[in-house]
């Protein structure tokens, strides 16, 4: 079961009516925010998939996917910490 989703970043420079000028750090911060939100969306999708495995009677698949969810959550926490440090500077 694969759900298609967009990998475009709404509100990015491509959508500006006039040319944008951003510092490299602003661009990196915007990309990090996008990636953190994108990963959070995948984490939710994986958790739903795990629930489906559990309902289908496959506890091994459920446990493995939930382990992946835990890994995503750890990575998302690290990305959030980076974003918090960028907002400070």
N, C-alpha and C. Protein backbone atom coordinates (compact mmCIF):
# COMPACT_ATOMS: atom_id res chain seq x y z
N UNK A 1 0.84 -1.17 0.00
CA UNK A 1 0.00 0.00 0.00
C UNK A 1 0.88 1.23 0.00
N UNK A 2 0.96 1.92 -1.08
CA UNK A 2 1.80 3.10 -1.22
C UNK A 2 0.89 4.29 -1.46
N UNK A 3 1.09 5.32 -0.67
CA UNK A 3 0.34 6.54 -0.87
C UNK A 3 1.23 7.56 -1.54
N UNK A 4 0.76 8.10 -2.66
CA UNK A 4 1.52 9.15 -3.32
C UNK A 4 1.39 10.43 -2.53
N UNK A 5 2.44 11.19 -2.51
CA UNK A 5 2.40 12.49 -1.87
C UNK A 5 3.40 13.40 -2.54
N UNK A 6 3.19 14.66 -2.34
CA UNK A 6 4.01 15.65 -3.01
C UNK A 6 5.29 15.91 -2.23
N UNK A 7 6.37 16.09 -2.95
CA UNK A 7 7.63 16.48 -2.32
C UNK A 7 7.97 17.92 -2.64
N UNK A 8 6.95 18.70 -3.01
CA UNK A 8 7.22 20.10 -3.30
C UNK A 8 7.07 20.92 -2.04
N UNK A 9 7.75 22.02 -2.01
CA UNK A 9 7.72 22.88 -0.84
C UNK A 9 6.88 24.11 -1.17
N UNK A 10 5.66 24.16 -0.69
CA UNK A 10 4.81 25.30 -0.99
C UNK A 10 5.39 26.54 -0.31
N UNK A 11 5.25 27.64 -0.98
CA UNK A 11 5.78 28.87 -0.43
C UNK A 11 7.27 29.06 -0.67
N UNK A 12 7.88 28.16 -1.42
CA UNK A 12 9.30 28.28 -1.71
C UNK A 12 9.55 29.40 -2.70
N UNK A 13 10.81 29.64 -2.98
CA UNK A 13 11.17 30.75 -3.86
C UNK A 13 10.55 30.62 -5.24
N UNK A 14 10.31 29.40 -5.70
CA UNK A 14 9.72 29.22 -7.02
C UNK A 14 8.33 29.80 -7.13
N UNK A 15 7.65 30.00 -5.98
CA UNK A 15 6.28 30.51 -6.00
C UNK A 15 6.23 32.02 -5.83
N UNK A 16 7.37 32.67 -5.66
CA UNK A 16 7.39 34.12 -5.46
C UNK A 16 7.10 34.84 -6.77
N UNK A 17 6.36 35.94 -6.66
CA UNK A 17 6.07 36.74 -7.85
C UNK A 17 7.30 37.52 -8.28
N UNK A 18 8.11 37.90 -7.31
CA UNK A 18 9.35 38.61 -7.62
C UNK A 18 10.51 37.77 -7.10
N UNK A 19 11.69 37.95 -7.68
CA UNK A 19 12.84 37.15 -7.23
C UNK A 19 13.12 37.36 -5.74
N UNK A 20 13.39 36.27 -5.06
CA UNK A 20 13.68 36.29 -3.63
C UNK A 20 15.18 36.38 -3.41
N UNK A 21 15.53 36.99 -2.31
CA UNK A 21 16.92 36.97 -1.91
C UNK A 21 16.95 36.48 -0.47
N UNK A 22 17.54 35.33 -0.28
CA UNK A 22 17.66 34.74 1.05
C UNK A 22 19.13 34.44 1.30
N UNK A 23 19.50 34.52 2.57
CA UNK A 23 20.86 34.14 2.91
C UNK A 23 20.96 32.62 2.84
N UNK A 24 22.15 32.09 2.70
CA UNK A 24 22.30 30.63 2.70
C UNK A 24 21.72 30.00 3.98
N UNK A 25 21.87 30.66 5.12
CA UNK A 25 21.34 30.11 6.37
C UNK A 25 19.82 30.10 6.36
N UNK A 26 19.20 31.10 5.79
CA UNK A 26 17.74 31.13 5.68
C UNK A 26 17.26 29.98 4.80
N UNK A 27 17.96 29.74 3.72
CA UNK A 27 17.60 28.64 2.83
C UNK A 27 17.78 27.30 3.53
N UNK A 28 18.87 27.13 4.27
CA UNK A 28 19.11 25.89 5.00
C UNK A 28 18.04 25.68 6.08
N UNK A 29 17.69 26.75 6.77
CA UNK A 29 16.66 26.65 7.81
C UNK A 29 15.32 26.26 7.20
N UNK A 30 14.96 26.87 6.08
CA UNK A 30 13.71 26.53 5.42
C UNK A 30 13.70 25.07 4.98
N UNK A 31 14.82 24.60 4.46
CA UNK A 31 14.91 23.20 4.04
C UNK A 31 14.80 22.27 5.24
N UNK A 32 15.44 22.62 6.35
CA UNK A 32 15.36 21.80 7.56
C UNK A 32 13.92 21.73 8.07
N UNK A 33 13.22 22.86 8.06
CA UNK A 33 11.81 22.87 8.50
C UNK A 33 10.98 21.95 7.61
N UNK A 34 11.20 22.06 6.32
CA UNK A 34 10.47 21.20 5.38
C UNK A 34 10.76 19.73 5.66
N UNK A 35 12.04 19.39 5.83
CA UNK A 35 12.42 18.00 6.05
C UNK A 35 11.85 17.46 7.36
N UNK A 36 11.88 18.28 8.41
CA UNK A 36 11.33 17.85 9.70
C UNK A 36 9.83 17.58 9.57
N UNK A 37 9.11 18.47 8.91
CA UNK A 37 7.67 18.25 8.72
C UNK A 37 7.40 17.04 7.83
N UNK A 38 8.21 16.89 6.82
CA UNK A 38 8.06 15.76 5.90
C UNK A 38 8.29 14.44 6.64
N UNK A 39 9.34 14.39 7.46
CA UNK A 39 9.62 13.18 8.23
C UNK A 39 8.50 12.89 9.22
N UNK A 40 7.95 13.92 9.84
CA UNK A 40 6.85 13.72 10.78
C UNK A 40 5.65 13.11 10.06
N UNK A 41 5.40 13.53 8.84
CA UNK A 41 4.29 12.96 8.07
C UNK A 41 4.55 11.48 7.78
N UNK A 42 5.78 11.14 7.43
CA UNK A 42 6.11 9.73 7.19
C UNK A 42 5.99 8.91 8.47
N UNK A 43 6.35 9.50 9.59
CA UNK A 43 6.23 8.80 10.87
C UNK A 43 4.78 8.44 11.14
N UNK A 44 3.88 9.38 10.91
CA UNK A 44 2.45 9.09 11.10
C UNK A 44 1.96 8.01 10.14
N UNK A 45 2.42 8.06 8.89
CA UNK A 45 2.04 7.04 7.90
C UNK A 45 2.52 5.66 8.33
N UNK A 46 3.74 5.59 8.84
CA UNK A 46 4.27 4.30 9.29
C UNK A 46 3.50 3.76 10.49
N UNK A 47 3.12 4.63 11.41
CA UNK A 47 2.35 4.19 12.57
C UNK A 47 1.00 3.62 12.12
N UNK A 48 0.37 4.25 11.14
CA UNK A 48 -0.90 3.73 10.61
C UNK A 48 -0.68 2.37 9.95
N UNK A 49 0.41 2.23 9.21
CA UNK A 49 0.74 0.96 8.58
C UNK A 49 0.96 -0.12 9.63
N UNK A 50 1.64 0.22 10.71
CA UNK A 50 1.86 -0.74 11.80
C UNK A 50 0.53 -1.21 12.37
N UNK A 51 -0.39 -0.28 12.57
CA UNK A 51 -1.72 -0.66 13.08
C UNK A 51 -2.42 -1.63 12.14
N UNK A 52 -2.24 -1.43 10.85
CA UNK A 52 -2.87 -2.34 9.88
C UNK A 52 -2.26 -3.73 9.98
N UNK A 53 -0.96 -3.81 10.18
CA UNK A 53 -0.33 -5.12 10.37
C UNK A 53 -0.85 -5.80 11.63
N UNK A 54 -1.01 -5.02 12.68
CA UNK A 54 -1.53 -5.60 13.92
C UNK A 54 -2.95 -6.12 13.72
N UNK A 55 -3.80 -5.34 13.07
CA UNK A 55 -5.18 -5.76 12.79
C UNK A 55 -5.22 -6.97 11.88
N UNK A 56 -4.23 -7.11 11.00
CA UNK A 56 -4.17 -8.24 10.07
C UNK A 56 -3.60 -9.48 10.73
N UNK A 57 -3.19 -9.36 11.99
CA UNK A 57 -2.69 -10.52 12.71
C UNK A 57 -1.23 -10.83 12.49
N UNK A 58 -0.45 -9.81 12.17
CA UNK A 58 0.98 -10.01 11.96
C UNK A 58 1.77 -9.20 13.00
N UNK A 59 1.92 -9.76 14.21
CA UNK A 59 2.58 -9.00 15.27
C UNK A 59 4.06 -8.73 15.00
N UNK A 60 4.72 -9.60 14.26
CA UNK A 60 6.14 -9.39 13.97
C UNK A 60 6.31 -8.15 13.08
N UNK A 61 5.51 -8.06 12.04
CA UNK A 61 5.58 -6.89 11.17
C UNK A 61 5.20 -5.63 11.95
N UNK A 62 4.19 -5.74 12.81
CA UNK A 62 3.78 -4.61 13.64
C UNK A 62 4.96 -4.12 14.48
N UNK A 63 5.63 -5.04 15.15
CA UNK A 63 6.74 -4.67 16.03
C UNK A 63 7.89 -4.04 15.25
N UNK A 64 8.19 -4.58 14.09
CA UNK A 64 9.30 -4.06 13.30
C UNK A 64 8.99 -2.66 12.76
N UNK A 65 7.75 -2.47 12.31
CA UNK A 65 7.39 -1.15 11.80
C UNK A 65 7.37 -0.15 12.94
N UNK A 66 6.89 -0.56 14.12
CA UNK A 66 6.90 0.35 15.26
C UNK A 66 8.33 0.67 15.70
N UNK A 67 9.25 -0.26 15.52
CA UNK A 67 10.66 0.03 15.79
C UNK A 67 11.15 1.11 14.82
N UNK A 68 10.73 1.02 13.57
CA UNK A 68 11.09 2.04 12.59
C UNK A 68 10.47 3.38 12.96
N UNK A 69 9.23 3.36 13.47
CA UNK A 69 8.58 4.59 13.92
C UNK A 69 9.41 5.22 15.04
N UNK A 70 9.88 4.40 15.96
CA UNK A 70 10.72 4.90 17.05
C UNK A 70 11.99 5.54 16.50
N UNK A 71 12.59 4.91 15.50
CA UNK A 71 13.80 5.47 14.89
C UNK A 71 13.50 6.82 14.23
N UNK A 72 12.37 6.90 13.51
CA UNK A 72 11.97 8.17 12.89
C UNK A 72 11.77 9.24 13.95
N UNK A 73 11.12 8.85 15.07
CA UNK A 73 10.88 9.82 16.14
C UNK A 73 12.18 10.34 16.72
N UNK A 74 13.16 9.47 16.86
CA UNK A 74 14.47 9.90 17.36
C UNK A 74 15.12 10.87 16.37
N UNK A 75 15.06 10.55 15.10
CA UNK A 75 15.63 11.43 14.07
C UNK A 75 14.89 12.76 14.05
N UNK A 76 13.56 12.71 14.17
CA UNK A 76 12.78 13.95 14.17
C UNK A 76 13.14 14.82 15.37
N UNK A 77 13.41 14.20 16.51
CA UNK A 77 13.82 14.95 17.69
C UNK A 77 15.15 15.65 17.43
N UNK A 78 16.07 14.95 16.80
CA UNK A 78 17.37 15.57 16.48
C UNK A 78 17.19 16.75 15.53
N UNK A 79 16.35 16.58 14.52
CA UNK A 79 16.09 17.68 13.58
C UNK A 79 15.45 18.86 14.30
N UNK A 80 14.54 18.59 15.23
CA UNK A 80 13.91 19.66 15.99
C UNK A 80 14.93 20.42 16.83
N UNK A 81 15.89 19.70 17.38
CA UNK A 81 16.94 20.35 18.17
C UNK A 81 17.79 21.26 17.27
N UNK A 82 18.09 20.81 16.07
CA UNK A 82 18.84 21.65 15.13
C UNK A 82 18.03 22.90 14.81
N UNK A 83 16.74 22.72 14.52
CA UNK A 83 15.91 23.86 14.19
C UNK A 83 15.83 24.85 15.35
N UNK A 84 15.72 24.34 16.57
CA UNK A 84 15.67 25.22 17.74
C UNK A 84 16.96 26.03 17.85
N UNK A 85 18.09 25.39 17.56
CA UNK A 85 19.36 26.11 17.65
C UNK A 85 19.48 27.15 16.53
N UNK A 86 18.88 26.89 15.38
CA UNK A 86 18.93 27.85 14.28
C UNK A 86 18.07 29.06 14.58
N UNK A 87 16.94 28.85 15.27
CA UNK A 87 16.06 29.97 15.61
C UNK A 87 16.71 30.90 16.62
N UNK A 88 17.63 30.36 17.42
CA UNK A 88 18.30 31.17 18.44
C UNK A 88 19.29 32.13 17.78
N UNK A 89 19.94 31.66 16.74
CA UNK A 89 21.00 32.47 16.12
C UNK A 89 20.44 33.41 15.13
